[in-house]
C-alpha atoms as a PDB file:
ATOM      1  CA  MET A   1     -42.857 -45.120 -10.396  1.00  0.00           C
ATOM      2  CA  THR A   2     -39.455 -44.177 -11.799  1.00  0.00           C
ATOM      3  CA  GLU A   3     -37.224 -45.224  -8.888  1.00  0.00           C
ATOM      4  CA  TRP A   4     -35.896 -48.550 -10.219  1.00  0.00           C
ATOM      5  CA  SER A   5     -33.862 -49.501  -7.123  1.00  0.00           C
ATOM      6  CA  ILE A   6     -36.309 -48.474  -4.408  1.00  0.00           C
ATOM      7  CA  SER A   7     -35.988 -50.362  -1.106  1.00  0.00           C
ATOM      8  CA  PRO A   8     -38.591 -49.217   1.443  1.00  0.00           C
ATOM      9  CA  THR A   9     -38.213 -50.141   5.113  1.00  0.00           C
ATOM     10  CA  CYS A  10     -40.847 -50.232   7.872  1.00  0.00           C
ATOM     11  CA  PHE A  11     -39.688 -49.271  11.417  1.00  0.00           C
ATOM     12  CA  ALA A  12     -41.397 -49.892  14.736  1.00  0.00           C
ATOM     13  CA  VAL A  13     -40.182 -48.089  17.897  1.00  0.00           C
ATOM     14  CA  LEU A  14     -40.778 -49.817  21.224  1.00  0.00           C
ATOM     15  CA  GLU A  15     -41.823 -47.876  24.349  1.00  0.00           C
ATOM     16  CA  GLN A  16     -39.158 -49.685  26.315  1.00  0.00           C
ATOM     17  CA  GLY A  17     -36.645 -48.450  23.811  1.00  0.00           C
ATOM     18  CA  GLY A  18     -35.120 -49.958  20.750  1.00  0.00           C
ATOM     19  CA  GLN A  19     -36.675 -50.596  17.398  1.00  0.00           C
ATOM     20  CA  CYS A  20     -37.346 -53.289  14.848  1.00  0.00           C
ATOM     21  CA  TYR A  21     -37.706 -53.015  11.129  1.00  0.00           C
ATOM     22  CA  ILE A  22     -38.469 -55.019   8.000  1.00  0.00           C
ATOM     23  CA  HIS A  23     -37.481 -54.474   4.375  1.00  0.00           C
ATOM     24  CA  LEU A  24     -40.204 -54.602   1.739  1.00  0.00           C
ATOM     25  CA  PRO A  25     -39.029 -56.156  -1.558  1.00  0.00           C
ATOM     26  CA  VAL A  26     -40.295 -54.098  -4.521  1.00  0.00           C
ATOM     27  CA  ILE A  27     -39.892 -54.978  -8.198  1.00  0.00           C
ATOM     28  CA  VAL A  28     -40.450 -52.084 -10.582  1.00  0.00           C
ATOM     29  CA  TYR A  29     -41.093 -53.599 -14.011  1.00  0.00           C
ATOM     30  CA  LYS A  30     -41.633 -52.234 -17.490  1.00  0.00           C
ATOM     31  CA  PRO A  31     -42.839 -54.322 -20.457  1.00  0.00           C
ATOM     32  CA  PRO A  32     -40.845 -53.848 -23.676  1.00  0.00           C
ATOM     33  CA  ASP A  33     -41.697 -50.892 -25.883  1.00  0.00           C
ATOM     34  CA  SER A  34     -41.385 -53.251 -28.846  1.00  0.00           C
ATOM     35  CA  VAL A  35     -40.115 -56.699 -29.876  1.00  0.00           C
ATOM     36  CA  SER A  36     -38.857 -57.319 -33.421  1.00  0.00           C
ATOM     37  CA  ILE A  37     -37.309 -60.204 -35.339  1.00  0.00           C
ATOM     38  CA  SER A  38     -34.930 -60.194 -38.307  1.00  0.00           C
ATOM     39  CA  PHE A  39     -32.062 -62.094 -39.915  1.00  0.00           C
ATOM     40  CA  VAL A  40     -28.521 -60.964 -39.162  1.00  0.00           C
ATOM     41  CA  ASN A  41     -26.796 -59.596 -42.292  1.00  0.00           C
ATOM     42  CA  HIS A  42     -29.313 -61.236 -44.619  1.00  0.00           C
ATOM     43  CA  THR A  43     -32.374 -60.269 -46.619  1.00  0.00           C
ATOM     44  CA  GLY A  44     -34.367 -62.150 -49.235  1.00  0.00           C
ATOM     45  CA  PRO A  45     -34.618 -65.913 -49.853  1.00  0.00           C
ATOM     46  CA  MET A  46     -32.467 -68.454 -48.023  1.00  0.00           C
ATOM     47  CA  PHE A  47     -30.697 -71.511 -49.422  1.00  0.00           C
ATOM     48  CA  GLU A  48     -31.538 -74.934 -48.080  1.00  0.00           C
ATOM     49  CA  GLY A  49     -28.798 -76.360 -45.856  1.00  0.00           C
ATOM     50  CA  ARG A  50     -27.030 -73.061 -45.128  1.00  0.00           C
ATOM     51  CA  GLU A  51     -26.838 -71.577 -41.639  1.00  0.00           C
ATOM     52  CA  TYR A  52     -28.571 -68.288 -40.832  1.00  0.00           C
ATOM     53  CA  THR A  53     -28.945 -66.283 -37.630  1.00  0.00           C
ATOM     54  CA  LEU A  54     -32.276 -65.061 -36.293  1.00  0.00           C
ATOM     55  CA  GLN A  55     -32.175 -61.934 -34.131  1.00  0.00           C
ATOM     56  CA  CYS A  56     -34.812 -60.915 -31.582  1.00  0.00           C
ATOM     57  CA  SER A  57     -34.528 -57.309 -30.360  1.00  0.00           C
ATOM     58  CA  VAL A  58     -36.285 -56.334 -27.121  1.00  0.00           C
ATOM     59  CA  LEU A  59     -36.483 -52.557 -26.616  1.00  0.00           C
ATOM     60  CA  ASP A  60     -36.468 -50.908 -23.146  1.00  0.00           C
ATOM     61  CA  VAL A  61     -37.481 -53.647 -20.733  1.00  0.00           C
ATOM     62  CA  ALA A  62     -37.003 -53.914 -16.966  1.00  0.00           C
ATOM     63  CA  PRO A  63     -35.866 -55.771 -14.999  1.00  0.00           C
ATOM     64  CA  VAL A  64     -33.896 -57.586 -17.679  1.00  0.00           C
ATOM     65  CA  GLY A  65     -32.931 -60.358 -15.238  1.00  0.00           C
ATOM     66  CA  ASP A  66     -36.534 -61.587 -15.290  1.00  0.00           C
ATOM     67  CA  LEU A  67     -36.806 -61.538 -19.079  1.00  0.00           C
ATOM     68  CA  THR A  68     -37.271 -64.761 -21.072  1.00  0.00           C
ATOM     69  CA  VAL A  69     -37.221 -64.770 -24.888  1.00  0.00           C
ATOM     70  CA  THR A  70     -38.573 -67.667 -26.968  1.00  0.00           C
ATOM     71  CA  PHE A  71     -38.016 -68.163 -30.709  1.00  0.00           C
ATOM     72  CA  TYR A  72     -40.775 -69.830 -32.741  1.00  0.00           C
ATOM     73  CA  LYS A  73     -41.302 -71.364 -36.166  1.00  0.00           C
ATOM     74  CA  GLY A  74     -45.051 -71.371 -36.622  1.00  0.00           C
ATOM     75  CA  GLN A  75     -46.308 -72.772 -33.313  1.00  0.00           C
ATOM     76  CA  THR A  76     -43.126 -74.772 -32.634  1.00  0.00           C
ATOM     77  CA  ALA A  77     -40.704 -73.369 -30.054  1.00  0.00           C
ATOM     78  CA  LEU A  78     -37.134 -73.403 -31.392  1.00  0.00           C
ATOM     79  CA  GLY A  79     -35.312 -72.240 -28.276  1.00  0.00           C
ATOM     80  CA  GLN A  80     -35.593 -70.189 -25.098  1.00  0.00           C
ATOM     81  CA  GLN A  81     -33.011 -67.733 -23.781  1.00  0.00           C
ATOM     82  CA  GLN A  82     -32.448 -65.380 -20.859  1.00  0.00           C
ATOM     83  CA  ALA A  83     -30.369 -62.213 -20.649  1.00  0.00           C
ATOM     84  CA  ASN A  84     -26.787 -62.434 -19.398  1.00  0.00           C
ATOM     85  CA  ASN A  85     -27.260 -59.140 -17.532  1.00  0.00           C
ATOM     86  CA  ASN A  86     -29.284 -60.071 -14.442  1.00  0.00           C
ATOM     87  CA  THR A  87     -28.421 -57.160 -12.128  1.00  0.00           C
ATOM     88  CA  GLU A  88     -29.551 -54.061 -14.052  1.00  0.00           C
ATOM     89  CA  LYS A  89     -32.818 -52.653 -12.703  1.00  0.00           C
ATOM     90  CA  LYS A  90     -33.336 -49.816 -15.194  1.00  0.00           C
ATOM     91  CA  PRO A  91     -34.857 -50.421 -18.648  1.00  0.00           C
ATOM     92  CA  VAL A  92     -32.371 -51.700 -21.215  1.00  0.00           C
ATOM     93  CA  THR A  93     -32.434 -53.017 -24.769  1.00  0.00           C
ATOM     94  CA  GLU A  94     -31.370 -56.655 -25.220  1.00  0.00           C
ATOM     95  CA  ILE A  95     -30.636 -58.593 -28.410  1.00  0.00           C
ATOM     96  CA  PHE A  96     -30.926 -62.385 -28.601  1.00  0.00           C
ATOM     97  CA  THR A  97     -29.768 -64.611 -31.483  1.00  0.00           C
ATOM     98  CA  LEU A  98     -30.480 -68.149 -32.646  1.00  0.00           C
ATOM     99  CA  ASN A  99     -28.806 -70.073 -35.490  1.00  0.00           C
ATOM    100  CA  ILE A 100     -31.048 -72.051 -37.842  1.00  0.00           C
ATOM    101  CA  THR A 101     -30.448 -74.262 -40.890  1.00  0.00           C
ATOM    102  CA  PRO A 102     -33.552 -74.109 -43.100  1.00  0.00           C
ATOM    103  CA  ARG A 103     -34.903 -77.109 -44.994  1.00  0.00           C
ATOM    104  CA  LYS A 104     -37.206 -77.206 -47.998  1.00  0.00           C
ATOM    105  CA  GLU A 105     -40.110 -77.881 -45.621  1.00  0.00           C
ATOM    106  CA  ASP A 106     -39.475 -74.431 -44.112  1.00  0.00           C
ATOM    107  CA  ASP A 107     -40.382 -72.635 -47.340  1.00  0.00           C
ATOM    108  CA  GLY A 108     -43.243 -70.338 -46.393  1.00  0.00           C
ATOM    109  CA  ALA A 109     -42.770 -70.880 -42.642  1.00  0.00           C
ATOM    110  CA  GLN A 110     -43.184 -67.939 -40.287  1.00  0.00           C
ATOM    111  CA  PHE A 111     -40.530 -67.129 -37.682  1.00  0.00           C
ATOM    112  CA  TRP A 112     -41.230 -64.912 -34.674  1.00  0.00           C
ATOM    113  CA  CYS A 113     -40.233 -64.368 -31.067  1.00  0.00           C
ATOM    114  CA  GLU A 114     -41.865 -63.356 -27.814  1.00  0.00           C
ATOM    115  CA  ALA A 115     -40.525 -61.575 -24.725  1.00  0.00           C
ATOM    116  CA  LYS A 116     -41.999 -62.463 -21.320  1.00  0.00           C
ATOM    117  CA  LEU A 117     -41.321 -60.971 -17.893  1.00  0.00           C
ATOM    118  CA  GLU A 118     -41.338 -63.829 -15.375  1.00  0.00           C
ATOM    119  CA  LEU A 119     -42.006 -61.871 -12.145  1.00  0.00           C
ATOM    120  CA  GLY A 120     -42.955 -64.804  -9.932  1.00  0.00           C
ATOM    121  CA  THR A 121     -46.177 -65.900  -8.321  1.00  0.00           C
ATOM    122  CA  GLU A 122     -46.684 -62.496  -6.667  1.00  0.00           C
ATOM    123  CA  GLY A 123     -46.254 -60.689  -9.979  1.00  0.00           C
ATOM    124  CA  PRO A 124     -48.998 -59.981 -12.532  1.00  0.00           C
ATOM    125  CA  GLN A 125     -50.763 -63.032 -13.967  1.00  0.00           C
ATOM    126  CA  PRO A 126     -50.474 -63.892 -16.758  1.00  0.00           C
ATOM    127  CA  PRO A 127     -46.912 -62.550 -17.008  1.00  0.00           C
ATOM    128  CA  PRO A 128     -46.440 -59.476 -19.258  1.00  0.00           C
ATOM    129  CA  LEU A 129     -45.741 -60.727 -22.787  1.00  0.00           C
ATOM    130  CA  VAL A 130     -44.956 -58.922 -26.050  1.00  0.00           C
ATOM    131  CA  MET A 131     -44.725 -60.714 -29.414  1.00  0.00           C
ATOM    132  CA  SER A 132     -42.797 -59.702 -32.499  1.00  0.00           C
ATOM    133  CA  GLN A 133     -44.121 -59.540 -36.039  1.00  0.00           C
ATOM    134  CA  LYS A 134     -44.046 -62.752 -38.080  1.00  0.00           C
ATOM    135  CA  LEU A 135     -41.204 -63.112 -40.583  1.00  0.00           C
ATOM    136  CA  SER A 136     -42.103 -65.267 -43.616  1.00  0.00           C
ATOM    137  CA  ALA A 137     -39.223 -67.355 -44.957  1.00  0.00           C
ATOM    138  CA  ALA A 138     -38.548 -68.231 -48.591  1.00  0.00           C
ATOM    139  CA  VAL A 139     -36.250 -71.238 -48.959  1.00  0.00           C
ATOM    140  CA  LEU A 140     -34.612 -72.067 -52.291  1.00  0.00           C
ATOM    141  CA  PHE A 141     -34.226 -75.808 -52.915  1.00  0.00           C
ATOM    142  CA  GLY A 142     -34.376 -78.557 -55.479  1.00  0.00           C
ATOM    143  CA  PRO A 143     -34.901 -79.989 -57.926  1.00  0.00           C
ATOM    144  CA  GLN A 144     -36.318 -83.018 -56.105  1.00  0.00           C
ATOM    145  CA  LEU A 145     -38.154 -86.058 -57.520  1.00  0.00           C
ATOM    146  CA  MET A 146     -41.436 -86.714 -55.697  1.00  0.00           C
ATOM    147  CA  CYS A 147     -42.388 -90.100 -57.181  1.00  0.00           C
ATOM    148  CA  PRO A 148     -40.754 -93.551 -56.911  1.00  0.00           C
ATOM    149  CA  THR A 149     -38.052 -94.534 -59.381  1.00  0.00           C
ATOM    150  CA  LYS A 150     -40.272 -97.481 -60.364  1.00  0.00           C
ATOM    151  CA  LEU A 151     -43.572 -95.886 -61.353  1.00  0.00           C
ATOM    152  CA  GLN A 152     -46.700 -97.983 -61.857  1.00  0.00           C
ATOM    153  CA  VAL A 153     -49.679 -96.557 -63.749  1.00  0.00           C
ATOM    154  CA  LYS A 154     -52.884 -98.187 -64.883  1.00  0.00           C
ATOM    155  CA  GLU A 155     -53.594 -98.502 -68.557  1.00  0.00           C
ATOM    156  CA  GLY A 156     -55.568 -95.453 -69.690  1.00  0.00           C
ATOM    157  CA  GLU A 157     -54.269 -93.192 -66.914  1.00  0.00           C
ATOM    158  CA  SER A 158     -52.044 -90.199 -67.523  1.00  0.00           C
ATOM    159  CA  LEU A 159     -48.321 -90.584 -66.979  1.00  0.00           C
ATOM    160  CA  SER A 160     -46.899 -87.967 -64.638  1.00  0.00           C
ATOM    161  CA  CYS A 161     -44.300 -87.529 -61.933  1.00  0.00           C
ATOM    162  CA  GLU A 162     -43.891 -84.415 -59.770  1.00  0.00           C
ATOM    163  CA  VAL A 163     -40.569 -82.612 -59.549  1.00  0.00           C
ATOM    164  CA  ARG A 164     -40.408 -79.940 -56.847  1.00  0.00           C
ATOM    165  CA  GLY A 165     -38.145 -76.980 -56.382  1.00  0.00           C
ATOM    166  CA  ASN A 166     -38.107 -73.316 -55.476  1.00  0.00           C
ATOM    167  CA  PRO A 167     -38.117 -71.683 -57.892  1.00  0.00           C
ATOM    168  CA  LYS A 168     -40.047 -74.277 -59.868  1.00  0.00           C
ATOM    169  CA  PRO A 169     -37.641 -76.143 -62.192  1.00  0.00           C
ATOM    170  CA  SER A 170     -38.180 -76.729 -65.884  1.00  0.00           C
ATOM    171  CA  VAL A 171     -38.709 -80.442 -66.558  1.00  0.00           C
ATOM    172  CA  THR A 172     -38.306 -82.559 -69.686  1.00  0.00           C
ATOM    173  CA  TRP A 173     -38.787 -86.300 -70.164  1.00  0.00           C
ATOM    174  CA  SER A 174     -36.746 -88.314 -72.619  1.00  0.00           C
ATOM    175  CA  ARG A 175     -36.698 -91.937 -73.748  1.00  0.00           C
ATOM    176  CA  GLU A 176     -33.796 -93.522 -75.557  1.00  0.00           C
ATOM    177  CA  GLY A 177     -32.266 -90.060 -75.923  1.00  0.00           C
ATOM    178  CA  GLN A 178     -35.363 -88.480 -77.455  1.00  0.00           C
ATOM    179  CA  VAL A 179     -37.489 -85.872 -75.695  1.00  0.00           C
ATOM    180  CA  VAL A 180     -41.080 -87.115 -75.393  1.00  0.00           C
ATOM    181  CA  ASP A 181     -44.448 -85.712 -74.371  1.00  0.00           C
ATOM    182  CA  LEU A 182     -46.128 -87.519 -71.516  1.00  0.00           C
ATOM    183  CA  PRO A 183     -49.241 -89.426 -72.621  1.00  0.00           C
ATOM    184  CA  THR A 184     -52.599 -88.525 -71.113  1.00  0.00           C
ATOM    185  CA  HIS A 185     -53.814 -92.105 -71.725  1.00  0.00           C
ATOM    186  CA  SER A 186     -51.109 -94.665 -71.041  1.00  0.00           C
ATOM    187  CA  SER A 187     -50.821 -97.897 -72.957  1.00  0.00           C
ATOM    188  CA  ARG A 188     -48.411-100.837 -72.762  1.00  0.00           C
ATOM    189  CA  GLU A 189     -46.166 -99.233 -75.375  1.00  0.00           C
ATOM    190  CA  HIS A 190     -45.390 -96.434 -72.929  1.00  0.00           C
ATOM    191  CA  ALA A 191     -43.690 -98.830 -70.473  1.00  0.00           C
ATOM    192  CA  GLY A 192     -39.929 -98.553 -70.143  1.00  0.00           C
ATOM    193  CA  LYS A 193     -37.152 -96.379 -68.741  1.00  0.00           C
ATOM    194  CA  TYR A 194     -37.319 -92.606 -68.891  1.00  0.00           C
ATOM    195  CA  THR A 195     -34.858 -89.891 -67.976  1.00  0.00           C
ATOM    196  CA  ILE A 196     -36.247 -86.806 -66.252  1.00  0.00           C
ATOM    197  CA  CYS A 197     -34.114 -83.708 -66.645  1.00  0.00           C
ATOM    198  CA  ALA A 198     -34.907 -80.947 -64.115  1.00  0.00           C
ATOM    199  CA  ILE A 199     -33.169 -77.570 -64.364  1.00  0.00           C
ATOM    200  CA  GLY A 200     -33.542 -75.071 -61.533  1.00  0.00           C
ATOM    201  CA  LEU A 201     -31.758 -72.134 -59.954  1.00  0.00           C
ATOM    202  CA  LEU A 202     -29.590 -74.478 -57.876  1.00  0.00           C
ATOM    203  CA  GLY A 203     -28.473 -76.557 -60.836  1.00  0.00           C
ATOM    204  CA  GLN A 204     -29.531 -79.513 -62.966  1.00  0.00           C
ATOM    205  CA  LYS A 205     -30.497 -82.992 -61.864  1.00  0.00           C
ATOM    206  CA  ASN A 206     -31.308 -86.093 -63.891  1.00  0.00           C
ATOM    207  CA  PHE A 207     -33.589 -88.815 -62.560  1.00  0.00           C
ATOM    208  CA  THR A 208     -34.193 -92.263 -64.041  1.00  0.00           C
ATOM    209  CA  VAL A 209     -37.741 -93.610 -63.773  1.00  0.00           C
ATOM    210  CA  GLU A 210     -38.892 -97.049 -64.862  1.00  0.00           C
ATOM    211  CA  VAL A 211     -42.544 -96.988 -65.910  1.00  0.00           C
ATOM    212  CA  GLU A 212     -44.727-100.088 -65.657  1.00  0.00           C
ATOM    213  CA  VAL A 213     -48.168 -99.945 -67.248  1.00  0.00           C
ATOM    214  CA  LEU A 214     -50.676-102.238 -65.538  1.00  0.00           C
ATOM    215  CA  THR A 215     -53.384-103.744 -67.712  1.00  0.00           C
ATOM    216  CA  GLY A 216     -56.871-104.582 -66.474  1.00  0.00           C
ATOM    217  CA  SER A 217     -56.621-108.327 -67.237  1.00  0.00           C
ATOM    218  CA  GLY A 218     -55.249-109.244 -63.852  1.00  0.00           C
ATOM    219  CA  THR A 219     -58.113-107.530 -62.074  1.00  0.00           C
ATOM    220  CA  THR A 220     -60.716-109.123 -64.365  1.00  0.00           C
ATOM    221  CA  ASN A 221     -59.318-112.636 -63.863  1.00  0.00           C
ATOM    222  CA  SER A 222     -59.308-112.127 -60.102  1.00  0.00           C
ATOM    223  CA  CYS A 223     -62.920-110.989 -60.176  1.00  0.00           C
ATOM    224  CA  ASN A 224     -63.900-113.985 -62.321  1.00  0.00           C
ATOM    225  CA  ARG A 225     -62.223-116.403 -59.899  1.00  0.00           C
ATOM    226  CA  LEU A 226     -63.984-114.799 -56.924  1.00  0.00           C
ATOM    227  CA  PHE A 227     -67.323-114.984 -58.737  1.00  0.00           C
ATOM    228  CA  LEU A 228     -66.803-118.673 -59.563  1.00  0.00           C
ATOM    229  CA  LEU A 229     -65.819-119.464 -55.980  1.00  0.00           C
ATOM    230  CA  ALA A 230     -68.928-117.724 -54.636  1.00  0.00           C
ATOM    231  CA  PHE A 231     -71.117-119.582 -57.148  1.00  0.00           C
ATOM    232  CA  LEU A 232     -69.711-122.984 -56.111  1.00  0.00           C
ATOM    233  CA  LEU A 233     -70.061-122.141 -52.432  1.00  0.00           C
ATOM    234  CA  ILE A 234     -73.736-121.188 -52.832  1.00  0.00           C
ATOM    235  CA  ASN A 235     -74.522-124.407 -54.733  1.00  0.00           C
ATOM    236  CA  TRP A 236     -72.683-126.489 -52.116  1.00  0.00           C
ATOM    237  CA  LEU A 237     -74.731-124.933 -49.329  1.00  0.00           C
END
């Protein structure tokens, strides 16, 4: 059917004269030819904390007044919109936009949108739905320290502290102004304050970390006390 505004009417003529009639509501619908997603005036990686605009383009859909568009990040719905034009019956192309502010957690996330024709309970079930391609996001961020500023390690363990960023920053540790290599087997002499210097695309950051090396004596003494208590309890019973 290509008559988008058809309005059929059924007439009945009475023998005594006169007539009655009823209008039959008809919705001629057309699912979108395609649905696509993109960023407005932007390509490539995004910067954390800046605002960007997602654009969902729905090509040749009718009736646009029954169209609902939903933006997604992964499986999380970010927002739902409807067309402002709710009277046009013929197929049209509609563009929807949504502003987002990416965070570092969004690095690698996939953005997409879907277009659905909500034609009511008498319409096709499930409602006609077309999804866009998935748009992978790269978010530049960092450097960021991922360990506590007071770091506790057991004696004999390696000393390490993760610094994240995209792109990955270069990291150096220094102690008392001297660059040091991190020990793979910590000892009590490695306790103290360190400065972590992280250099990335978004600049340089310095972090201060106080390292405490835990010896095994405390654990041994606790075990000995528990053993002695159990021994006395058994003899008392």
